[in-house]
PDB file of N, CA and C in Angstrom:
ATOM      1  N   UNK A   1       0.841  -1.169   0.000  1.00  0.00           N
ATOM      2  CA  UNK A   1       0.000   0.000   0.000  1.00  0.00           C
ATOM      3  C   UNK A   1       0.892   1.241   0.000  1.00  0.00           C
ATOM      4  N   UNK A   2       0.590   2.159  -0.878  1.00  0.00           N
ATOM      5  CA  UNK A   2       1.343   3.412  -0.904  1.00  0.00           C
ATOM      6  C   UNK A   2       0.542   4.517  -0.212  1.00  0.00           C
ATOM      7  N   UNK A   3       1.095   5.725  -0.163  1.00  0.00           N
ATOM      8  CA  UNK A   3       0.465   6.822   0.574  1.00  0.00           C
ATOM      9  C   UNK A   3      -0.897   7.188  -0.010  1.00  0.00           C
ATOM     10  N   UNK A   4      -1.027   7.209  -1.332  1.00  0.00           N
ATOM     11  CA  UNK A   4      -2.310   7.552  -1.956  1.00  0.00           C
ATOM     12  C   UNK A   4      -3.380   6.520  -1.604  1.00  0.00           C
ATOM     13  N   UNK A   5      -3.000   5.253  -1.617  1.00  0.00           N
ATOM     14  CA  UNK A   5      -3.956   4.201  -1.266  1.00  0.00           C
ATOM     15  C   UNK A   5      -4.346   4.304   0.212  1.00  0.00           C
ATOM     16  N   UNK A   6      -3.377   4.581   1.070  1.00  0.00           N
ATOM     17  CA  UNK A   6      -3.657   4.761   2.489  1.00  0.00           C
ATOM     18  C   UNK A   6      -4.601   5.942   2.693  1.00  0.00           C
ATOM     19  N   UNK A   7      -4.327   7.052   2.033  1.00  0.00           N
ATOM     20  CA  UNK A   7      -5.185   8.232   2.144  1.00  0.00           C
ATOM     21  C   UNK A   7      -6.597   7.907   1.660  1.00  0.00           C
ATOM     22  N   UNK A   8      -6.716   7.120   0.620  1.00  0.00           N
ATOM     23  CA  UNK A   8      -8.038   6.731   0.112  1.00  0.00           C
ATOM     24  C   UNK A   8      -8.825   5.931   1.134  1.00  0.00           C
ATOM     25  N   UNK A   9      -8.163   4.960   1.768  1.00  0.00           N
ATOM     26  CA  UNK A   9      -8.842   4.136   2.773  1.00  0.00           C
ATOM     27  C   UNK A   9      -9.218   4.948   4.005  1.00  0.00           C
ATOM     28  N   UNK A  10      -8.302   5.803   4.455  1.00  0.00           N
ATOM     29  CA  UNK A  10      -8.573   6.622   5.634  1.00  0.00           C
ATOM     30  C   UNK A  10      -9.677   7.622   5.328  1.00  0.00           C
ATOM     31  N   UNK A  11      -9.639   8.237   4.156  1.00  0.00           N
ATOM     32  CA  UNK A  11     -10.647   9.246   3.815  1.00  0.00           C
ATOM     33  C   UNK A  11     -12.050   8.650   3.796  1.00  0.00           C
ATOM     34  N   UNK A  12     -12.186   7.397   3.377  1.00  0.00           N
ATOM     35  CA  UNK A  12     -13.489   6.733   3.396  1.00  0.00           C
ATOM     36  C   UNK A  12     -13.998   6.574   4.832  1.00  0.00           C
ATOM     37  N   UNK A  13     -13.084   6.269   5.753  1.00  0.00           N
ATOM     38  CA  UNK A  13     -13.487   5.997   7.133  1.00  0.00           C
ATOM     39  C   UNK A  13     -13.769   7.261   7.932  1.00  0.00           C
ATOM     40  N   UNK A  14     -13.118   8.380   7.578  1.00  0.00           N
ATOM     41  CA  UNK A  14     -13.320   9.602   8.362  1.00  0.00           C
ATOM     42  C   UNK A  14     -14.150  10.643   7.613  1.00  0.00           C
ATOM     43  N   UNK A  15     -14.638  10.279   6.454  1.00  0.00           N
ATOM     44  CA  UNK A  15     -15.497  11.160   5.666  1.00  0.00           C
ATOM     45  C   UNK A  15     -14.828  12.496   5.363  1.00  0.00           C
ATOM     46  N   UNK A  16     -13.592  12.429   4.861  1.00  0.00           N
ATOM     47  CA  UNK A  16     -12.835  13.600   4.409  1.00  0.00           C
ATOM     48  C   UNK A  16     -12.418  13.362   2.969  1.00  0.00           C
ATOM     49  N   UNK A  17     -11.990  14.406   2.306  1.00  0.00           N
ATOM     50  CA  UNK A  17     -11.506  14.240   0.932  1.00  0.00           C
ATOM     51  C   UNK A  17     -10.144  13.548   0.960  1.00  0.00           C
ATOM     52  N   UNK A  18      -9.821  12.893  -0.145  1.00  0.00           N
ATOM     53  CA  UNK A  18      -8.515  12.229  -0.243  1.00  0.00           C
ATOM     54  C   UNK A  18      -7.379  13.241  -0.120  1.00  0.00           C
ATOM     55  N   UNK A  19      -7.548  14.397  -0.740  1.00  0.00           N
ATOM     56  CA  UNK A  19      -6.491  15.423  -0.714  1.00  0.00           C
ATOM     57  C   UNK A  19      -6.243  15.899   0.712  1.00  0.00           C
ATOM     58  N   UNK A  20      -7.314  16.155   1.461  1.00  0.00           N
ATOM     59  CA  UNK A  20      -7.168  16.611   2.843  1.00  0.00           C
ATOM     60  C   UNK A  20      -6.537  15.512   3.703  1.00  0.00           C
ATOM     61  N   UNK A  21      -6.965  14.295   3.504  1.00  0.00           N
ATOM     62  CA  UNK A  21      -6.404  13.169   4.262  1.00  0.00           C
ATOM     63  C   UNK A  21      -4.926  12.995   3.943  1.00  0.00           C
ATOM     64  N   UNK A  22      -4.560  13.157   2.689  1.00  0.00           N
ATOM     65  CA  UNK A  22      -3.149  13.034   2.305  1.00  0.00           C
ATOM     66  C   UNK A  22      -2.315  14.142   2.955  1.00  0.00           C
ATOM     67  N   UNK A  23      -2.858  15.354   3.048  1.00  0.00           N
ATOM     68  CA  UNK A  23      -2.148  16.440   3.734  1.00  0.00           C
ATOM     69  C   UNK A  23      -1.971  16.116   5.222  1.00  0.00           C
ATOM     70  N   UNK A  24      -2.982  15.531   5.838  1.00  0.00           N
ATOM     71  CA  UNK A  24      -2.892  15.137   7.247  1.00  0.00           C
ATOM     72  C   UNK A  24      -1.804  14.080   7.428  1.00  0.00           C
ATOM     73  N   UNK A  25      -1.775  13.100   6.551  1.00  0.00           N
ATOM     74  CA  UNK A  25      -0.743  12.056   6.609  1.00  0.00           C
ATOM     75  C   UNK A  25       0.635  12.674   6.448  1.00  0.00           C
ATOM     76  N   UNK A  26       0.776  13.620   5.511  1.00  0.00           N
ATOM     77  CA  UNK A  26       2.061  14.303   5.312  1.00  0.00           C
ATOM     78  C   UNK A  26       2.512  15.021   6.583  1.00  0.00           C
ATOM     79  N   UNK A  27       1.577  15.699   7.251  1.00  0.00           N
ATOM     80  CA  UNK A  27       1.916  16.424   8.485  1.00  0.00           C
ATOM     81  C   UNK A  27       2.351  15.441   9.566  1.00  0.00           C
ATOM     82  N   UNK A  28       1.640  14.332   9.712  1.00  0.00           N
ATOM     83  CA  UNK A  28       1.996  13.329  10.726  1.00  0.00           C
ATOM     84  C   UNK A  28       3.392  12.776  10.455  1.00  0.00           C
ATOM     85  N   UNK A  29       3.656  12.398   9.215  1.00  0.00           N
ATOM     86  CA  UNK A  29       4.967  11.839   8.878  1.00  0.00           C
ATOM     87  C   UNK A  29       6.075  12.867   9.072  1.00  0.00           C
ATOM     88  N   UNK A  30       5.798  14.124   8.739  1.00  0.00           N
ATOM     89  CA  UNK A  30       6.778  15.192   8.923  1.00  0.00           C
ATOM     90  C   UNK A  30       7.086  15.385  10.405  1.00  0.00           C
ATOM     91  N   UNK A  31       6.066  15.371  11.243  1.00  0.00           N
ATOM     92  CA  UNK A  31       6.272  15.533  12.685  1.00  0.00           C
ATOM     93  C   UNK A  31       7.067  14.367  13.269  1.00  0.00           C
ATOM     94  N   UNK A  32       6.791  13.153  12.816  1.00  0.00           N
ATOM     95  CA  UNK A  32       7.570  11.984  13.267  1.00  0.00           C
ATOM     96  C   UNK A  32       9.025  12.155  12.845  1.00  0.00           C
ATOM     97  N   UNK A  33       9.248  12.568  11.601  1.00  0.00           N
ATOM     98  CA  UNK A  33      10.614  12.764  11.099  1.00  0.00           C
ATOM     99  C   UNK A  33      11.351  13.825  11.899  1.00  0.00           C
ATOM    100  N   UNK A  34      10.695  14.944  12.169  1.00  0.00           N
ATOM    101  CA  UNK A  34      11.335  16.018  12.927  1.00  0.00           C
ATOM    102  C   UNK A  34      11.670  15.584  14.347  1.00  0.00           C
ATOM    103  N   UNK A  35      10.789  14.799  14.975  1.00  0.00           N
ATOM    104  CA  UNK A  35      11.068  14.293  16.324  1.00  0.00           C
ATOM    105  C   UNK A  35      12.280  13.369  16.302  1.00  0.00           C
ATOM    106  N   UNK A  36      12.389  12.520  15.295  1.00  0.00           N
ATOM    107  CA  UNK A  36      13.537  11.620  15.192  1.00  0.00           C
ATOM    108  C   UNK A  36      14.823  12.390  14.929  1.00  0.00           C
ATOM    109  N   UNK A  37      14.750  13.456  14.155  1.00  0.00           N
ATOM    110  CA  UNK A  37      15.928  14.301  13.919  1.00  0.00           C
ATOM    111  C   UNK A  37      16.414  14.885  15.238  1.00  0.00           C
ATOM    112  N   UNK A  38      15.459  15.235  16.121  1.00  0.00           N
ATOM    113  CA  UNK A  38      15.810  15.749  17.447  1.00  0.00           C
ATOM    114  C   UNK A  38      16.163  14.608  18.412  1.00  0.00           C
ATOM    115  N   UNK A  39      16.196  13.388  17.888  1.00  0.00           N
ATOM    116  CA  UNK A  39      16.499  12.167  18.647  1.00  0.00           C
ATOM    117  C   UNK A  39      15.489  11.901  19.762  1.00  0.00           C
ATOM    118  N   UNK A  40      14.243  12.245  19.500  1.00  0.00           N
ATOM    119  CA  UNK A  40      13.159  11.953  20.418  1.00  0.00           C
ATOM    120  C   UNK A  40      12.476  10.656  19.989  1.00  0.00           C
ATOM    121  N   UNK A  41      11.973   9.914  20.954  1.00  0.00           N
ATOM    122  CA  UNK A  41      11.207   8.705  20.679  1.00  0.00           C
ATOM    123  C   UNK A  41       9.755   9.122  20.433  1.00  0.00           C
ATOM    124  N   UNK A  42       9.121   8.523  19.435  1.00  0.00           N
ATOM    125  CA  UNK A  42       7.716   8.778  19.155  1.00  0.00           C
ATOM    126  C   UNK A  42       6.950   7.513  19.527  1.00  0.00           C
ATOM    127  N   UNK A  43       6.098   7.620  20.557  1.00  0.00           N
ATOM    128  CA  UNK A  43       5.362   6.470  21.069  1.00  0.00           C
ATOM    129  C   UNK A  43       3.903   6.545  20.632  1.00  0.00           C
ATOM    130  N   UNK A  44       3.463   5.533  19.923  1.00  0.00           N
ATOM    131  CA  UNK A  44       2.065   5.404  19.537  1.00  0.00           C
ATOM    132  C   UNK A  44       1.558   4.147  20.245  1.00  0.00           C
ATOM    133  N   UNK A  45       0.970   4.347  21.416  1.00  0.00           N
ATOM    134  CA  UNK A  45       0.575   3.245  22.280  1.00  0.00           C
ATOM    135  C   UNK A  45      -0.340   2.283  21.520  1.00  0.00           C
ATOM    136  N   UNK A  46      -0.017   1.000  21.590  1.00  0.00           N
ATOM    137  CA  UNK A  46      -0.784  -0.032  20.904  1.00  0.00           C
ATOM    138  C   UNK A  46      -0.263  -0.311  19.509  1.00  0.00           C
ATOM    139  N   UNK A  47       0.406   0.665  18.912  1.00  0.00           N
ATOM    140  CA  UNK A  47       0.931   0.491  17.552  1.00  0.00           C
ATOM    141  C   UNK A  47       2.425   0.232  17.563  1.00  0.00           C
ATOM    142  N   UNK A  48       3.197   1.133  18.197  1.00  0.00           N
ATOM    143  CA  UNK A  48       4.641   0.933  18.260  1.00  0.00           C
ATOM    144  C   UNK A  48       5.379   2.222  18.527  1.00  0.00           C
ATOM    145  N   UNK A  49       6.704   2.121  18.537  1.00  0.00           N
ATOM    146  CA  UNK A  49       7.583   3.256  18.821  1.00  0.00           C
ATOM    147  C   UNK A  49       8.540   3.485  17.661  1.00  0.00           C
ATOM    148  N   UNK A  50       8.681   4.743  17.281  1.00  0.00           N
ATOM    149  CA  UNK A  50       9.704   5.138  16.328  1.00  0.00           C
ATOM    150  C   UNK A  50      10.890   5.619  17.147  1.00  0.00           C
ATOM    151  N   UNK A  51      12.073   5.116  16.854  1.00  0.00           N
ATOM    152  CA  UNK A  51      13.258   5.435  17.641  1.00  0.00           C
ATOM    153  C   UNK A  51      14.439   5.737  16.725  1.00  0.00           C
ATOM    154  N   UNK A  52      15.494   6.285  17.322  1.00  0.00           N
ATOM    155  CA  UNK A  52      16.756   6.488  16.606  1.00  0.00           C
ATOM    156  C   UNK A  52      17.741   5.469  17.160  1.00  0.00           C
ATOM    157  N   UNK A  53      18.277   4.639  16.296  1.00  0.00           N
ATOM    158  CA  UNK A  53      19.282   3.654  16.703  1.00  0.00           C
ATOM    159  C   UNK A  53      20.662   4.210  16.381  1.00  0.00           C
ATOM    160  N   UNK A  54      21.554   4.115  17.352  1.00  0.00           N
ATOM    161  CA  UNK A  54      22.912   4.612  17.165  1.00  0.00           C
ATOM    162  C   UNK A  54      23.860   3.434  17.048  1.00  0.00           C
ATOM    163  N   UNK A  55      24.793   3.554  16.132  1.00  0.00           N
ATOM    164  CA  UNK A  55      25.813   2.518  15.931  1.00  0.00           C
ATOM    165  C   UNK A  55      27.180   3.146  16.117  1.00  0.00           C
ATOM    166  N   UNK A  56      27.997   2.515  16.929  1.00  0.00           N
ATOM    167  CA  UNK A  56      29.333   3.052  17.197  1.00  0.00           C
ATOM    168  C   UNK A  56      30.188   3.053  15.934  1.00  0.00           C
ATOM    169  N   UNK A  57      31.178   3.940  15.936  1.00  0.00           N
ATOM    170  CA  UNK A  57      32.155   3.940  14.860  1.00  0.00           C
ATOM    171  C   UNK A  57      33.025   2.688  14.969  1.00  0.00           C
ATOM    172  N   UNK A  58      33.617   2.290  13.868  1.00  0.00           N
ATOM    173  CA  UNK A  58      34.436   1.077  13.880  1.00  0.00           C
ATOM    174  C   UNK A  58      35.445   1.118  12.737  1.00  0.00           C
ATOM    175  N   UNK A  59      36.344   0.177  12.781  1.00  0.00           N
ATOM    176  CA  UNK A  59      37.334   0.028  11.707  1.00  0.00           C
ATOM    177  C   UNK A  59      36.820  -1.041  10.747  1.00  0.00           C
ATOM    178  N   UNK A  60      36.830  -0.704   9.466  1.00  0.00           N
ATOM    179  CA  UNK A  60      36.403  -1.655   8.445  1.00  0.00           C
ATOM    180  C   UNK A  60      37.494  -1.830   7.407  1.00  0.00           C
ATOM    181  N   UNK A  61      37.188  -2.577   6.387  1.00  0.00           N
ATOM    182  CA  UNK A  61      38.142  -2.807   5.300  1.00  0.00           C
ATOM    183  C   UNK A  61      37.481  -2.504   3.964  1.00  0.00           C
ATOM    184  N   UNK A  62      38.244  -1.868   3.089  1.00  0.00           N
ATOM    185  CA  UNK A  62      37.791  -1.648   1.727  1.00  0.00           C
ATOM    186  C   UNK A  62      37.843  -3.005   1.034  1.00  0.00           C
ATOM    187  N   UNK A  63      36.727  -3.516   0.536  1.00  0.00           N
ATOM    188  CA  UNK A  63      36.726  -4.853  -0.058  1.00  0.00           C
ATOM    189  C   UNK A  63      37.577  -4.970  -1.327  1.00  0.00           C
ATOM    190  N   UNK A  64      37.801  -3.862  -2.021  1.00  0.00           N
ATOM    191  CA  UNK A  64      38.592  -3.923  -3.253  1.00  0.00           C
ATOM    192  C   UNK A  64      40.089  -3.924  -2.978  1.00  0.00           C
ATOM    193  N   UNK A  65      40.518  -3.116  -2.001  1.00  0.00           N
ATOM    194  CA  UNK A  65      41.957  -2.988  -1.759  1.00  0.00           C
ATOM    195  C   UNK A  65      42.412  -3.672  -0.475  1.00  0.00           C
ATOM    196  N   UNK A  66      41.475  -3.953   0.426  1.00  0.00           N
ATOM    197  CA  UNK A  66      41.841  -4.543   1.707  1.00  0.00           C
ATOM    198  C   UNK A  66      42.369  -3.528   2.708  1.00  0.00           C
ATOM    199  N   UNK A  67      42.424  -2.258   2.317  1.00  0.00           N
ATOM    200  CA  UNK A  67      42.938  -1.215   3.203  1.00  0.00           C
ATOM    201  C   UNK A  67      41.940  -0.926   4.327  1.00  0.00           C
ATOM    202  N   UNK A  68      42.482  -0.608   5.507  1.00  0.00           N
ATOM    203  CA  UNK A  68      41.619  -0.263   6.629  1.00  0.00           C
ATOM    204  C   UNK A  68      40.979   1.102   6.405  1.00  0.00           C
ATOM    205  N   UNK A  69      39.719   1.200   6.782  1.00  0.00           N
ATOM    206  CA  UNK A  69      39.019   2.472   6.717  1.00  0.00           C
ATOM    207  C   UNK A  69      38.280   2.682   8.042  1.00  0.00           C
ATOM    208  N   UNK A  70      38.064   3.931   8.370  1.00  0.00           N
ATOM    209  CA  UNK A  70      37.320   4.250   9.580  1.00  0.00           C
ATOM    210  C   UNK A  70      35.867   4.513   9.201  1.00  0.00           C
ATOM    211  N   UNK A  71      34.975   3.778   9.836  1.00  0.00           N
ATOM    212  CA  UNK A  71      33.546   3.961   9.611  1.00  0.00           C
ATOM    213  C   UNK A  71      33.024   4.751  10.800  1.00  0.00           C
ATOM    214  N   UNK A  72      32.460   5.905  10.538  1.00  0.00           N
ATOM    215  CA  UNK A  72      32.018   6.799  11.608  1.00  0.00           C
ATOM    216  C   UNK A  72      30.757   6.326  12.310  1.00  0.00           C
ATOM    217  N   UNK A  73      30.407   7.046  13.344  1.00  0.00           N
ATOM    218  CA  UNK A  73      29.174   6.793  14.082  1.00  0.00           C
ATOM    219  C   UNK A  73      27.993   7.042  13.149  1.00  0.00           C
ATOM    220  N   UNK A  74      26.983   6.180  13.221  1.00  0.00           N
ATOM    221  CA  UNK A  74      25.800   6.361  12.384  1.00  0.00           C
ATOM    222  C   UNK A  74      24.548   6.361  13.253  1.00  0.00           C
ATOM    223  N   UNK A  75      23.531   7.051  12.770  1.00  0.00           N
ATOM    224  CA  UNK A  75      22.218   7.059  13.403  1.00  0.00           C
ATOM    225  C   UNK A  75      21.205   6.689  12.330  1.00  0.00           C
ATOM    226  N   UNK A  76      20.316   5.766  12.671  1.00  0.00           N
ATOM    227  CA  UNK A  76      19.289   5.335  11.734  1.00  0.00           C
ATOM    228  C   UNK A  76      17.937   5.279  12.420  1.00  0.00           C
ATOM    229  N   UNK A  77      16.881   5.622  11.701  1.00  0.00           N
ATOM    230  CA  UNK A  77      15.558   5.497  12.294  1.00  0.00           C
ATOM    231  C   UNK A  77      15.177   4.024  12.417  1.00  0.00           C
ATOM    232  N   UNK A  78      14.401   3.733  13.425  1.00  0.00           N
ATOM    233  CA  UNK A  78      13.941   2.366  13.623  1.00  0.00           C
ATOM    234  C   UNK A  78      12.505   2.361  14.118  1.00  0.00           C
ATOM    235  N   UNK A  79      11.888   1.202  14.057  1.00  0.00           N
ATOM    236  CA  UNK A  79      10.518   1.041  14.527  1.00  0.00           C
ATOM    237  C   UNK A  79      10.442  -0.218  15.362  1.00  0.00           C
ATOM    238  N   UNK A  80       9.836  -0.097  16.532  1.00  0.00           N
ATOM    239  CA  UNK A  80       9.616  -1.244  17.410  1.00  0.00           C
ATOM    240  C   UNK A  80       8.106  -1.422  17.502  1.00  0.00           C
ATOM    241  N   UNK A  81       7.572  -2.523  16.956  1.00  0.00           N
ATOM    242  CA  UNK A  81       6.119  -2.698  16.969  1.00  0.00           C
ATOM    243  C   UNK A  81       5.581  -2.900  18.378  1.00  0.00           C
ATOM    244  N   UNK A  82       4.374  -2.399  18.611  1.00  0.00           N
ATOM    245  CA  UNK A  82       3.698  -2.579  19.889  1.00  0.00           C
ATOM    246  C   UNK A  82       3.089  -3.965  19.980  1.00  0.00           C
ATOM    247  N   UNK A  83       2.726  -4.346  21.189  1.00  0.00           N
ATOM    248  CA  UNK A  83       2.213  -5.697  21.419  1.00  0.00           C
ATOM    249  C   UNK A  83       0.914  -5.956  20.657  1.00  0.00           C
ATOM    250  N   UNK A  84       0.030  -4.952  20.580  1.00  0.00           N
ATOM    251  CA  UNK A  84      -1.231  -5.158  19.860  1.00  0.00           C
ATOM    252  C   UNK A  84      -1.004  -5.331  18.363  1.00  0.00           C
ATOM    253  N   UNK A  85      -0.050  -4.596  17.805  1.00  0.00           N
ATOM    254  CA  UNK A  85       0.277  -4.750  16.386  1.00  0.00           C
ATOM    255  C   UNK A  85       0.860  -6.137  16.131  1.00  0.00           C
ATOM    256  N   UNK A  86       1.739  -6.586  17.025  1.00  0.00           N
ATOM    257  CA  UNK A  86       2.309  -7.932  16.887  1.00  0.00           C
ATOM    258  C   UNK A  86       1.224  -8.999  16.912  1.00  0.00           C
ATOM    259  N   UNK A  87       0.298  -8.868  17.865  1.00  0.00           N
ATOM    260  CA  UNK A  87      -0.797  -9.843  17.975  1.00  0.00           C
ATOM    261  C   UNK A  87      -1.653  -9.844  16.725  1.00  0.00           C
ATOM    262  N   UNK A  88      -1.968  -8.646  16.215  1.00  0.00           N
ATOM    263  CA  UNK A  88      -2.804  -8.518  15.035  1.00  0.00           C
ATOM    264  C   UNK A  88      -2.173  -9.184  13.821  1.00  0.00           C
ATOM    265  N   UNK A  89      -0.880  -8.945  13.623  1.00  0.00           N
ATOM    266  CA  UNK A  89      -0.184  -9.520  12.470  1.00  0.00           C
ATOM    267  C   UNK A  89      -0.036 -11.027  12.639  1.00  0.00           C
ATOM    268  N   UNK A  90       0.333 -11.453  13.837  1.00  0.00           N
ATOM    269  CA  UNK A  90       0.538 -12.882  14.089  1.00  0.00           C
ATOM    270  C   UNK A  90      -0.758 -13.673  13.909  1.00  0.00           C
ATOM    271  N   UNK A  91      -1.865 -13.116  14.390  1.00  0.00           N
ATOM    272  CA  UNK A  91      -3.152 -13.794  14.296  1.00  0.00           C
ATOM    273  C   UNK A  91      -3.828 -13.575  12.940  1.00  0.00           C
ATOM    274  N   UNK A  92      -3.219 -12.722  12.105  1.00  0.00           N
ATOM    275  CA  UNK A  92      -3.805 -12.373  10.809  1.00  0.00           C
ATOM    276  C   UNK A  92      -5.229 -11.856  11.018  1.00  0.00           C
ATOM    277  N   UNK A  93      -5.385 -11.008  12.051  1.00  0.00           N
ATOM    278  CA  UNK A  93      -6.698 -10.523  12.452  1.00  0.00           C
ATOM    279  C   UNK A  93      -6.690  -8.998  12.551  1.00  0.00           C
ATOM    280  N   UNK A  94      -7.223  -8.306  11.535  1.00  0.00           N
ATOM    281  CA  UNK A  94      -7.209  -6.847  11.572  1.00  0.00           C
ATOM    282  C   UNK A  94      -8.182  -6.261  12.594  1.00  0.00           C
ATOM    283  N   UNK A  95      -9.028  -7.095  13.205  1.00  0.00           N
ATOM    284  CA  UNK A  95     -10.009  -6.568  14.156  1.00  0.00           C
ATOM    285  C   UNK A  95      -9.423  -6.326  15.541  1.00  0.00           C
ATOM    286  N   UNK A  96      -8.178  -6.758  15.792  1.00  0.00           N
ATOM    287  CA  UNK A  96      -7.558  -6.503  17.085  1.00  0.00           C
ATOM    288  C   UNK A  96      -7.367  -5.009  17.224  1.00  0.00           C
ATOM    289  N   UNK A  97      -7.840  -4.473  18.347  1.00  0.00           N
ATOM    290  CA  UNK A  97      -7.847  -3.034  18.578  1.00  0.00           C
ATOM    291  C   UNK A  97      -6.437  -2.510  18.811  1.00  0.00           C
ATOM    292  N   UNK A  98      -5.973  -1.578  17.964  1.00  0.00           N
ATOM    293  CA  UNK A  98      -4.639  -0.994  18.100  1.00  0.00           C
ATOM    294  C   UNK A  98      -4.671   0.335  18.845  1.00  0.00           C
ATOM    295  N   UNK A  99      -5.870   0.784  19.231  1.00  0.00           N
ATOM    296  CA  UNK A  99      -5.958   2.056  19.938  1.00  0.00           C
ATOM    297  C   UNK A  99      -5.561   1.872  21.405  1.00  0.00           C
ATOM    298  N   UNK A 100      -5.030   2.926  22.011  1.00  0.00           N
ATOM    299  CA  UNK A 100      -4.621   2.824  23.416  1.00  0.00           C
ATOM    300  C   UNK A 100      -5.814   2.692  24.339  1.00  0.00           C
ATOM    301  N   UNK A 101      -5.626   1.952  25.393  1.00  0.00           N
ATOM    302  CA  UNK A 101      -6.676   1.792  26.403  1.00  0.00           C
ATOM    303  C   UNK A 101      -6.147   2.324  27.722  1.00  0.00           C
ATOM    304  N   UNK A 102      -6.813   3.317  28.238  1.00  0.00           N
ATOM    305  CA  UNK A 102      -6.405   3.882  29.519  1.00  0.00           C
ATOM    306  C   UNK A 102      -7.520   3.616  30.514  1.00  0.00           C
ATOM    307  N   UNK A 103      -7.206   2.818  31.526  1.00  0.00           N
ATOM    308  CA  UNK A 103      -8.215   2.468  32.538  1.00  0.00           C
ATOM    309  C   UNK A 103      -7.910   3.164  33.831  1.00  0.00           C
TER     310      UNK A 103
END
């Protein structure tokens, strides 16, 4: 599923235009990206967490010449699925509620 298809499905469920829904999706994705740039964790209870994974610098080898090279520290975005999302996918059951429950 791509962004246009996602916007189409969401727009049907919330009774909004596809264009407006796509703009909302763009804003959400932009906010998640900006939070990760600031190295903040984005928690969507029931769905999962977006995080920044850090990898230490290390010494590597150039595969063509065999010469040692220094590989710097890297940061990559990551996603850790929530328990409800895991259950839903494992059970192949889209009816499992992914919304947060606060009791």
